[in-house]
């Protein structure tokens, strides 16, 4: 195996994916930052969810919203659905349909005007699709971050749903690019709200 060649291929693939996002999704990323800013300025909550490794991206996003990304500031209200409550999750998956776990929390925690962020990097999930539909019916705005391999075209027709899909079938490139998008969104929101 030629490690140097492999390393270069991965780097150039990563760069190419991010250049494609800038070209095709740049304006949508700005729109997503505006959605987040508007929700926060209206004193609404940012609720996040993801499955598998995308759950870690949801945790990162929430942490940067609560703790600050590029500046010291007051916390933004952000919460990852399903966090810190394994007994609730276990009860739901034992007694009910496991697809209900995020919906049950949205029923209790979400209010009209809140923003749901759904992150996924691989195969489409019926749980997340149902969560998106429920959130839209509850008058939440929805931001979906996914990739070509996990796309949710059924939700892109709703004007309260913004869909940022990384054009890649490689889960690694999707995940790497999601980290960049999350960082960009946090940076833009801080600049919009605090004007610094």
Protein backbone atom coordinates (compact mmCIF):
# COMPACT_ATOMS: atom_id res chain seq x y z
CA UNK A 1 0.00 0.00 0.00
CA UNK A 2 1.25 3.46 -0.90
CA UNK A 3 0.38 5.40 2.27
CA UNK A 4 1.45 8.77 0.86
CA UNK A 5 -0.78 8.34 -2.18
CA UNK A 6 -3.71 7.22 -0.02
CA UNK A 7 -3.21 10.21 2.28
CA UNK A 8 -3.20 12.60 -0.68
CA UNK A 9 -6.34 11.01 -2.15
CA UNK A 10 -8.21 11.43 1.14
CA UNK A 11 -7.06 15.04 1.53
CA UNK A 12 -8.07 15.97 -2.02
CA UNK A 13 -11.41 14.16 -1.66
CA UNK A 14 -12.06 16.08 1.57
CA UNK A 15 -11.14 19.40 -0.06
CA UNK A 16 -13.27 18.63 -3.13
CA UNK A 17 -16.30 17.82 -0.96
CA UNK A 18 -15.94 21.08 0.96
CA UNK A 19 -15.45 23.12 -2.23
CA UNK A 20 -18.67 21.58 -3.58
CA UNK A 21 -20.50 22.54 -0.37
CA UNK A 22 -19.25 26.13 -0.65
CA UNK A 23 -20.40 26.32 -4.26
CA UNK A 24 -23.77 24.60 -3.91
CA UNK A 25 -24.75 25.13 -0.27
CA UNK A 26 -23.06 28.41 0.72
CA UNK A 27 -26.26 30.47 0.47
CA UNK A 28 -28.22 27.75 2.28
CA UNK A 29 -25.69 27.72 5.14
CA UNK A 30 -26.23 31.48 5.52
CA UNK A 31 -29.99 30.84 5.49
CA UNK A 32 -29.55 28.17 8.19
CA UNK A 33 -27.56 30.63 10.33
CA UNK A 34 -30.41 33.12 9.94
CA UNK A 35 -32.94 30.46 11.01
CA UNK A 36 -30.90 29.72 14.12
CA UNK A 37 -30.40 33.41 14.92
CA UNK A 38 -34.09 34.23 14.48
CA UNK A 39 -35.12 31.37 16.77
CA UNK A 40 -32.62 32.40 19.46
CA UNK A 41 -33.51 36.10 19.24
CA UNK A 42 -37.17 35.11 19.66
CA UNK A 43 -36.11 33.22 22.84
CA UNK A 44 -36.88 29.84 21.33
CA UNK A 45 -34.97 26.61 21.92
CA UNK A 46 -32.69 24.67 19.60
CA UNK A 47 -33.46 20.95 19.89
CA UNK A 48 -31.07 18.51 18.22
CA UNK A 49 -31.06 14.83 17.40
CA UNK A 50 -29.04 12.29 15.49
CA UNK A 51 -28.34 8.60 15.45
CA UNK A 52 -25.06 6.72 15.57
CA UNK A 53 -22.03 8.92 14.96
CA UNK A 54 -24.29 11.80 13.90
CA UNK A 55 -25.45 11.94 17.53
CA UNK A 56 -21.92 13.04 18.42
CA UNK A 57 -22.26 15.89 15.92
CA UNK A 58 -25.54 16.87 17.60
CA UNK A 59 -23.75 16.87 20.96
CA UNK A 60 -20.91 18.99 19.54
CA UNK A 61 -23.39 21.47 18.04
CA UNK A 62 -25.35 21.77 21.30
CA UNK A 63 -22.16 22.16 23.32
CA UNK A 64 -20.93 24.99 21.09
CA UNK A 65 -24.33 26.72 21.30
CA UNK A 66 -24.43 26.44 25.08
CA UNK A 67 -20.75 27.05 25.89
CA UNK A 68 -19.75 29.41 23.09
CA UNK A 69 -17.78 28.78 19.94
CA UNK A 70 -15.57 31.75 19.09
CA UNK A 71 -16.29 34.05 22.02
CA UNK A 72 -17.24 34.14 25.66
CA UNK A 73 -20.95 34.88 25.85
CA UNK A 74 -24.17 33.92 27.57
CA UNK A 75 -25.49 30.45 26.77
CA UNK A 76 -27.98 29.70 24.02
CA UNK A 77 -30.77 27.25 24.93
CA UNK A 78 -29.84 24.01 23.14
CA UNK A 79 -30.67 20.43 24.05
CA UNK A 80 -29.87 17.07 22.45
CA UNK A 81 -32.94 14.82 22.52
CA UNK A 82 -32.39 11.53 24.34
CA UNK A 83 -29.41 12.76 26.35
CA UNK A 84 -28.97 11.79 29.97
CA UNK A 85 -32.19 9.86 30.26
CA UNK A 86 -31.40 6.22 29.49
CA UNK A 87 -34.29 4.98 31.62
CA UNK A 88 -36.79 6.92 29.47
CA UNK A 89 -35.18 5.63 26.29
CA UNK A 90 -35.14 2.08 27.64
CA UNK A 91 -38.80 2.26 28.69
CA UNK A 92 -39.86 3.62 25.32
CA UNK A 93 -37.99 0.96 23.38
CA UNK A 94 -39.30 -1.80 25.65
CA UNK A 95 -42.94 -0.75 25.93
CA UNK A 96 -43.55 1.16 22.72
CA UNK A 97 -42.30 1.63 19.24
CA UNK A 98 -38.61 2.63 19.45
CA UNK A 99 -39.22 5.23 16.75
CA UNK A 100 -41.14 7.25 19.38
CA UNK A 101 -38.11 8.24 21.46
CA UNK A 102 -37.55 11.68 19.88
CA UNK A 103 -41.25 12.32 19.23
CA UNK A 104 -42.13 11.71 22.89
CA UNK A 105 -39.59 14.32 23.95
CA UNK A 106 -40.77 16.80 21.32
CA UNK A 107 -44.34 16.38 22.61
CA UNK A 108 -43.15 17.45 26.05
CA UNK A 109 -40.33 19.91 25.41
CA UNK A 110 -40.99 21.59 22.06
CA UNK A 111 -43.00 24.76 21.63
CA UNK A 112 -44.14 26.53 18.50
CA UNK A 113 -41.22 28.47 17.04
CA UNK A 114 -38.50 26.18 18.38
CA UNK A 115 -35.96 24.84 15.88
CA UNK A 116 -35.19 21.15 15.47
CA UNK A 117 -31.79 20.23 14.02
CA UNK A 118 -31.59 16.68 12.61
CA UNK A 119 -28.17 15.29 11.72
CA UNK A 120 -27.47 12.05 9.92
CA UNK A 121 -24.48 10.86 7.95
CA UNK A 122 -25.49 7.46 6.66
CA UNK A 123 -28.58 5.49 5.71
CA UNK A 124 -31.96 7.10 5.97
CA UNK A 125 -33.71 6.52 9.31
CA UNK A 126 -37.46 6.13 9.63
CA UNK A 127 -37.17 7.37 13.24
CA UNK A 128 -35.61 10.64 12.11
CA UNK A 129 -38.02 11.01 9.17
CA UNK A 130 -40.98 10.59 11.53
CA UNK A 131 -39.41 13.06 13.97
CA UNK A 132 -39.06 15.64 11.19
CA UNK A 133 -42.70 15.22 10.13
CA UNK A 134 -43.88 15.47 13.74
CA UNK A 135 -41.85 18.63 14.33
CA UNK A 136 -43.24 20.32 11.22
CA UNK A 137 -46.78 19.43 12.30
CA UNK A 138 -46.03 20.96 15.74
CA UNK A 139 -45.00 24.25 14.05
CA UNK A 140 -41.27 23.88 14.58
CA UNK A 141 -38.75 24.93 11.99
CA UNK A 142 -36.43 22.11 10.96
CA UNK A 143 -32.82 22.11 9.78
CA UNK A 144 -31.58 18.81 8.32
CA UNK A 145 -27.88 18.08 7.84
CA UNK A 146 -27.24 14.91 5.89
CA UNK A 147 -25.44 13.59 2.83
CA UNK A 148 -26.26 11.97 -0.46
CA UNK A 149 -26.22 8.54 1.20
CA UNK A 150 -28.80 9.64 3.80
CA UNK A 151 -30.89 12.17 1.93
CA UNK A 152 -34.47 12.95 2.93
CA UNK A 153 -36.07 14.46 -0.16
CA UNK A 154 -39.57 14.02 1.26
CA UNK A 155 -39.11 16.91 3.70
CA UNK A 156 -37.60 19.49 1.38
CA UNK A 157 -40.96 20.71 0.08
CA UNK A 158 -41.97 22.30 3.41
CA UNK A 159 -40.98 25.97 3.65
CA UNK A 160 -40.20 25.57 7.38
CA UNK A 161 -37.60 22.89 6.59
CA UNK A 162 -34.12 23.67 5.31
CA UNK A 163 -32.14 20.73 3.98
CA UNK A 164 -28.32 20.87 3.79
CA UNK A 165 -27.18 17.72 1.99
CA UNK A 166 -23.45 17.15 1.52
CA UNK A 167 -22.92 15.77 -1.99
CA UNK A 168 -20.98 12.64 -1.13
CA UNK A 169 -21.68 8.94 -0.78
CA UNK A 170 -18.74 8.56 1.61
CA UNK A 171 -19.81 8.72 5.24
CA UNK A 172 -16.36 9.98 6.31
CA UNK A 173 -16.55 12.98 3.95
CA UNK A 174 -20.11 13.74 5.09
CA UNK A 175 -19.08 13.67 8.76
CA UNK A 176 -15.99 15.82 8.17
CA UNK A 177 -18.05 18.37 6.29
CA UNK A 178 -20.80 18.39 8.93
CA UNK A 179 -18.19 19.45 11.50
CA UNK A 180 -17.22 22.38 9.28
CA UNK A 181 -20.87 23.37 8.68
CA UNK A 182 -21.61 23.21 12.42
CA UNK A 183 -18.60 25.40 13.16
CA UNK A 184 -19.63 27.89 10.46
CA UNK A 185 -23.19 28.05 11.79
CA UNK A 186 -22.01 28.69 15.36
CA UNK A 187 -19.62 31.39 14.17
CA UNK A 188 -22.25 33.13 12.03
CA UNK A 189 -24.89 32.99 14.79
CA UNK A 190 -22.52 34.52 17.33
CA UNK A 191 -21.61 37.31 14.93
CA UNK A 192 -25.27 37.94 14.04
CA UNK A 193 -26.51 38.06 17.63
CA UNK A 194 -23.58 39.82 19.28
CA UNK A 195 -22.41 41.86 16.28
CA UNK A 196 -18.74 41.48 17.09
